[in-house]
Amino acid sequence: MDCLDKEKGIFLVSACLVGLATRYDGRIKENRDCRLFLEGRVWLPVCPEQLGGLATPRPAADIVGGDGGAVLDGKARVVTVTGVDVSARFIAGARQVLVIAGQQQICGVCLKSGSPSCAVRGVQGVTAALLARHGLALHEF
């Protein structure tokens, strides 16, 4: 698929990047650079954490003992600031995003930096790791 042609293909995008109140703290923090990148393109917002059954707002969480790939492999965990292991929820949400990607002609995925679900660089998030394993093009904002 020619993803350079703005009229072809669909992008998945972290819902928080496009101004939806899906962040862990319920705040809206739209990303202008992401919106500019998506301008003129077809896109679908997704929130892996909500798709995994977590509420908004919810306690902040971090990956402990590795990265998103290690969480998928059962070698690391996602734990909230209150000490609750939410790894299963993060994995379930990542799998739901992958299902959605498989049902569409996805050109790429725009993901939120610094997120235990979506980070592409640094400590890669759970969803980013799963999507990368399946060959999707990831863009971080």
C-alpha atoms as a PDB file:
ATOM      1  CA  MET A   1       0.000   0.000   0.000  1.00  0.00           C
ATOM      2  CA  ASP A   2       1.256   3.483  -0.866  1.00  0.00           C
ATOM      3  CA  CYS A   3       1.068   5.286   2.452  1.00  0.00           C
ATOM      4  CA  LEU A   4       2.592   8.447   1.050  1.00  0.00           C
ATOM      5  CA  ASP A   5      -0.626   9.030  -0.886  1.00  0.00           C
ATOM      6  CA  LYS A   6      -2.883  10.685   1.684  1.00  0.00           C
ATOM      7  CA  GLU A   7      -5.975   9.271   0.022  1.00  0.00           C
ATOM      8  CA  LYS A   8      -4.913   5.650   0.484  1.00  0.00           C
ATOM      9  CA  GLY A   9      -4.813   3.620   3.656  1.00  0.00           C
ATOM     10  CA  ILE A  10      -5.789   4.293   7.223  1.00  0.00           C
ATOM     11  CA  PHE A  11      -3.737   5.212  10.261  1.00  0.00           C
ATOM     12  CA  LEU A  12      -4.504   4.076  13.765  1.00  0.00           C
ATOM     13  CA  VAL A  13      -3.711   6.753  16.325  1.00  0.00           C
ATOM     14  CA  SER A  14      -3.482   6.871  20.105  1.00  0.00           C
ATOM     15  CA  ALA A  15      -6.755   8.553  21.018  1.00  0.00           C
ATOM     16  CA  CYS A  16      -5.060  10.902  23.489  1.00  0.00           C
ATOM     17  CA  LEU A  17      -2.959  12.395  20.675  1.00  0.00           C
ATOM     18  CA  VAL A  18      -6.039  13.660  18.847  1.00  0.00           C
ATOM     19  CA  GLY A  19      -7.694  15.287  21.845  1.00  0.00           C
ATOM     20  CA  LEU A  20      -9.828  12.527  23.320  1.00  0.00           C
ATOM     21  CA  ALA A  21      -9.870  12.336  27.122  1.00  0.00           C
ATOM     22  CA  THR A  22      -8.349   8.849  27.324  1.00  0.00           C
ATOM     23  CA  ARG A  23      -5.110   9.605  29.193  1.00  0.00           C
ATOM     24  CA  TYR A  24      -4.620   7.894  32.541  1.00  0.00           C
ATOM     25  CA  ASP A  25      -5.373  11.191  34.319  1.00  0.00           C
ATOM     26  CA  GLY A  26      -8.374  12.032  32.133  1.00  0.00           C
ATOM     27  CA  ARG A  27      -6.733  15.205  30.849  1.00  0.00           C
ATOM     28  CA  ILE A  28      -6.795  16.298  27.220  1.00  0.00           C
ATOM     29  CA  LYS A  29      -3.349  16.860  25.721  1.00  0.00           C
ATOM     30  CA  GLU A  30      -3.762  16.895  21.960  1.00  0.00           C
ATOM     31  CA  ASN A  31      -0.494  16.653  20.015  1.00  0.00           C
ATOM     32  CA  ARG A  32      -0.264  19.307  17.311  1.00  0.00           C
ATOM     33  CA  ASP A  33       2.506  17.531  15.379  1.00  0.00           C
ATOM     34  CA  CYS A  34       0.439  14.359  15.230  1.00  0.00           C
ATOM     35  CA  ARG A  35      -2.630  16.268  14.033  1.00  0.00           C
ATOM     36  CA  LEU A  36      -0.530  17.892  11.302  1.00  0.00           C
ATOM     37  CA  PHE A  37       0.830  14.487  10.264  1.00  0.00           C
ATOM     38  CA  LEU A  38      -2.722  13.103  10.063  1.00  0.00           C
ATOM     39  CA  GLU A  39      -4.145  16.098   8.208  1.00  0.00           C
ATOM     40  CA  GLY A  40      -5.863  14.933   5.033  1.00  0.00           C
ATOM     41  CA  ARG A  41      -5.499  11.257   6.014  1.00  0.00           C
ATOM     42  CA  VAL A  42      -8.095   8.778   7.216  1.00  0.00           C
ATOM     43  CA  TRP A  43      -7.460   7.750  10.828  1.00  0.00           C
ATOM     44  CA  LEU A  44      -9.066   5.797  13.637  1.00  0.00           C
ATOM     45  CA  PRO A  45      -8.452   6.641  17.304  1.00  0.00           C
ATOM     46  CA  VAL A  46      -7.717   3.778  19.685  1.00  0.00           C
ATOM     47  CA  CYS A  47      -6.812   3.609  23.361  1.00  0.00           C
ATOM     48  CA  PRO A  48      -5.214   0.267  24.209  1.00  0.00           C
ATOM     49  CA  GLU A  49      -5.657   0.790  27.932  1.00  0.00           C
ATOM     50  CA  GLN A  50      -9.390   1.440  27.596  1.00  0.00           C
ATOM     51  CA  LEU A  51      -9.711  -1.434  25.099  1.00  0.00           C
ATOM     52  CA  GLY A  52      -8.089  -3.626  27.745  1.00  0.00           C
ATOM     53  CA  GLY A  53     -10.799  -2.705  30.237  1.00  0.00           C
ATOM     54  CA  LEU A  54      -9.114   0.037  32.255  1.00  0.00           C
ATOM     55  CA  ALA A  55     -11.125   3.081  33.295  1.00  0.00           C
ATOM     56  CA  THR A  56     -10.345   6.742  32.714  1.00  0.00           C
ATOM     57  CA  PRO A  57      -9.050   8.198  34.922  1.00  0.00           C
ATOM     58  CA  ARG A  58      -6.897   5.370  36.252  1.00  0.00           C
ATOM     59  CA  PRO A  59      -3.723   5.121  38.329  1.00  0.00           C
ATOM     60  CA  ALA A  60      -0.538   5.772  36.374  1.00  0.00           C
ATOM     61  CA  ALA A  61       1.406   2.632  35.489  1.00  0.00           C
ATOM     62  CA  ASP A  62       4.927   1.701  34.425  1.00  0.00           C
ATOM     63  CA  ILE A  63       6.655  -1.337  33.048  1.00  0.00           C
ATOM     64  CA  VAL A  64       8.795  -3.099  35.661  1.00  0.00           C
ATOM     65  CA  GLY A  65      11.575  -5.518  34.744  1.00  0.00           C
ATOM     66  CA  GLY A  66      11.909  -4.911  31.025  1.00  0.00           C
ATOM     67  CA  ASP A  67       9.946  -3.463  28.134  1.00  0.00           C
ATOM     68  CA  GLY A  68       6.679  -4.144  26.319  1.00  0.00           C
ATOM     69  CA  GLY A  69       8.130  -7.151  24.541  1.00  0.00           C
ATOM     70  CA  ALA A  70       9.155  -8.644  27.880  1.00  0.00           C
ATOM     71  CA  VAL A  71       5.624  -8.031  29.199  1.00  0.00           C
ATOM     72  CA  LEU A  72       4.212  -9.905  26.188  1.00  0.00           C
ATOM     73  CA  ASP A  73       6.626 -12.757  26.902  1.00  0.00           C
ATOM     74  CA  GLY A  74       5.710 -12.895  30.601  1.00  0.00           C
ATOM     75  CA  LYS A  75       9.160 -11.683  31.713  1.00  0.00           C
ATOM     76  CA  ALA A  76       8.142  -8.178  32.900  1.00  0.00           C
ATOM     77  CA  ARG A  77       5.014  -6.586  34.355  1.00  0.00           C
ATOM     78  CA  VAL A  78       2.978  -3.419  34.102  1.00  0.00           C
ATOM     79  CA  VAL A  79       2.306  -2.141  37.624  1.00  0.00           C
ATOM     80  CA  THR A  80       0.311   0.892  38.782  1.00  0.00           C
ATOM     81  CA  VAL A  81       1.650   3.437  41.258  1.00  0.00           C
ATOM     82  CA  THR A  82      -0.624   1.745  43.799  1.00  0.00           C
ATOM     83  CA  GLY A  83       1.125  -1.606  43.226  1.00  0.00           C
ATOM     84  CA  VAL A  84      -1.569  -3.359  41.178  1.00  0.00           C
ATOM     85  CA  ASP A  85      -0.359  -5.614  38.342  1.00  0.00           C
ATOM     86  CA  VAL A  86      -2.312  -4.576  35.223  1.00  0.00           C
ATOM     87  CA  SER A  87      -0.202  -6.550  32.727  1.00  0.00           C
ATOM     88  CA  ALA A  88      -3.138  -8.667  31.567  1.00  0.00           C
ATOM     89  CA  ARG A  89      -5.186  -5.537  30.824  1.00  0.00           C
ATOM     90  CA  PHE A  90      -2.339  -3.979  28.829  1.00  0.00           C
ATOM     91  CA  ILE A  91      -1.849  -7.184  26.825  1.00  0.00           C
ATOM     92  CA  ALA A  92      -5.593  -7.504  26.181  1.00  0.00           C
ATOM     93  CA  GLY A  93      -5.741  -3.902  24.942  1.00  0.00           C
ATOM     94  CA  ALA A  94      -2.723  -4.411  22.688  1.00  0.00           C
ATOM     95  CA  ARG A  95      -4.370  -7.481  21.189  1.00  0.00           C
ATOM     96  CA  GLN A  96      -7.563  -5.514  20.539  1.00  0.00           C
ATOM     97  CA  VAL A  97      -5.591  -2.830  18.690  1.00  0.00           C
ATOM     98  CA  LEU A  98      -3.967  -5.579  16.605  1.00  0.00           C
ATOM     99  CA  VAL A  99      -7.428  -6.982  15.772  1.00  0.00           C
ATOM    100  CA  ILE A 100      -8.602  -3.534  14.658  1.00  0.00           C
ATOM    101  CA  ALA A 101      -5.447  -3.127  12.556  1.00  0.00           C
ATOM    102  CA  GLY A 102      -6.118  -6.476  10.920  1.00  0.00           C
ATOM    103  CA  GLN A 103      -9.635  -5.411   9.949  1.00  0.00           C
ATOM    104  CA  GLN A 104      -8.492  -2.269   8.129  1.00  0.00           C
ATOM    105  CA  GLN A 105      -5.997  -1.308   5.443  1.00  0.00           C
ATOM    106  CA  ILE A 106      -3.563   0.162   7.941  1.00  0.00           C
ATOM    107  CA  CYS A 107      -0.653   2.218   6.642  1.00  0.00           C
ATOM    108  CA  GLY A 108       0.793   2.917  10.048  1.00  0.00           C
ATOM    109  CA  VAL A 109       0.143   3.664  13.667  1.00  0.00           C
ATOM    110  CA  CYS A 110       0.725   6.964  15.487  1.00  0.00           C
ATOM    111  CA  LEU A 111       1.556   6.301  19.130  1.00  0.00           C
ATOM    112  CA  LYS A 112       2.073   8.379  22.291  1.00  0.00           C
ATOM    113  CA  SER A 113       5.652   8.729  23.503  1.00  0.00           C
ATOM    114  CA  GLY A 114       6.456   7.794  27.088  1.00  0.00           C
ATOM    115  CA  SER A 115       3.413   5.541  27.465  1.00  0.00           C
ATOM    116  CA  PRO A 116       3.679   2.031  28.923  1.00  0.00           C
ATOM    117  CA  SER A 117       1.273   1.020  26.155  1.00  0.00           C
ATOM    118  CA  CYS A 118       2.399   3.079  23.226  1.00  0.00           C
ATOM    119  CA  ALA A 119       6.011   4.286  23.532  1.00  0.00           C
ATOM    120  CA  VAL A 120       8.081   3.347  20.499  1.00  0.00           C
ATOM    121  CA  ARG A 121      11.481   4.651  21.645  1.00  0.00           C
ATOM    122  CA  GLY A 122      13.108   4.226  25.030  1.00  0.00           C
ATOM    123  CA  VAL A 123      11.194   1.630  27.030  1.00  0.00           C
ATOM    124  CA  GLN A 124       8.910   0.313  24.297  1.00  0.00           C
ATOM    125  CA  GLY A 125       5.275  -0.051  25.347  1.00  0.00           C
ATOM    126  CA  VAL A 126       3.208  -3.227  25.234  1.00  0.00           C
ATOM    127  CA  THR A 127       1.037  -2.229  22.270  1.00  0.00           C
ATOM    128  CA  ALA A 128       3.994  -0.838  20.345  1.00  0.00           C
ATOM    129  CA  ALA A 129       5.892  -4.095  20.875  1.00  0.00           C
ATOM    130  CA  LEU A 130       2.990  -6.231  19.668  1.00  0.00           C
ATOM    131  CA  LEU A 131       2.365  -4.080  16.606  1.00  0.00           C
ATOM    132  CA  ALA A 132       6.075  -4.021  15.752  1.00  0.00           C
ATOM    133  CA  ARG A 133       6.167  -7.827  15.980  1.00  0.00           C
ATOM    134  CA  HIS A 134       3.443  -7.870  13.337  1.00  0.00           C
ATOM    135  CA  GLY A 135       5.303  -5.500  11.006  1.00  0.00           C
ATOM    136  CA  LEU A 136       3.221  -2.358  11.339  1.00  0.00           C
ATOM    137  CA  ALA A 137       4.923   0.984  10.733  1.00  0.00           C
ATOM    138  CA  LEU A 138       5.041   2.906  14.019  1.00  0.00           C
ATOM    139  CA  HIS A 139       5.294   6.687  14.391  1.00  0.00           C
ATOM    140  CA  GLU A 140       5.838   8.229  17.830  1.00  0.00           C
ATOM    141  CA  PHE A 141       4.542  11.623  18.927  1.00  0.00           C
END
